[in-house]
């Protein structure tokens, strides 16, 4: 049998565990795009942003199998782990969600998962 203090501690532990589980389920179901703000040149690194527009200048990097592209004149970095599970073509109309970073003095959006790239309209 548990003492009174142990019963209280156990009850609190169960409540906290329940809150964490519910929060994980609820927050996991929220679309990142709805939480992201529109990209601006002055957006700080590390901020979750989105940009919608036509893919231009889609290129594979020299090493690593990564891709870079431009959407609305914003540089997009697509790591190889994401690039292998998404098909993109120049001219596609897309919505890209990612984290702002700076590479060689230029702001870019770094995509973290293939779900962060939504093709709204295919070219051709």
Foldseek 3Di string as FASTA:
>chain_A
DDDPVVVVVVVVVVVVVVVVVVCCVVVVPDDLQVVADDDDQPDDFFGKHKAWAFWADWDADPDQRWIWTAGPNAIETEHNVAVVPDDDDGGFTKMAIATWDADPRGIHGYGDHVSRIDGPGHDD
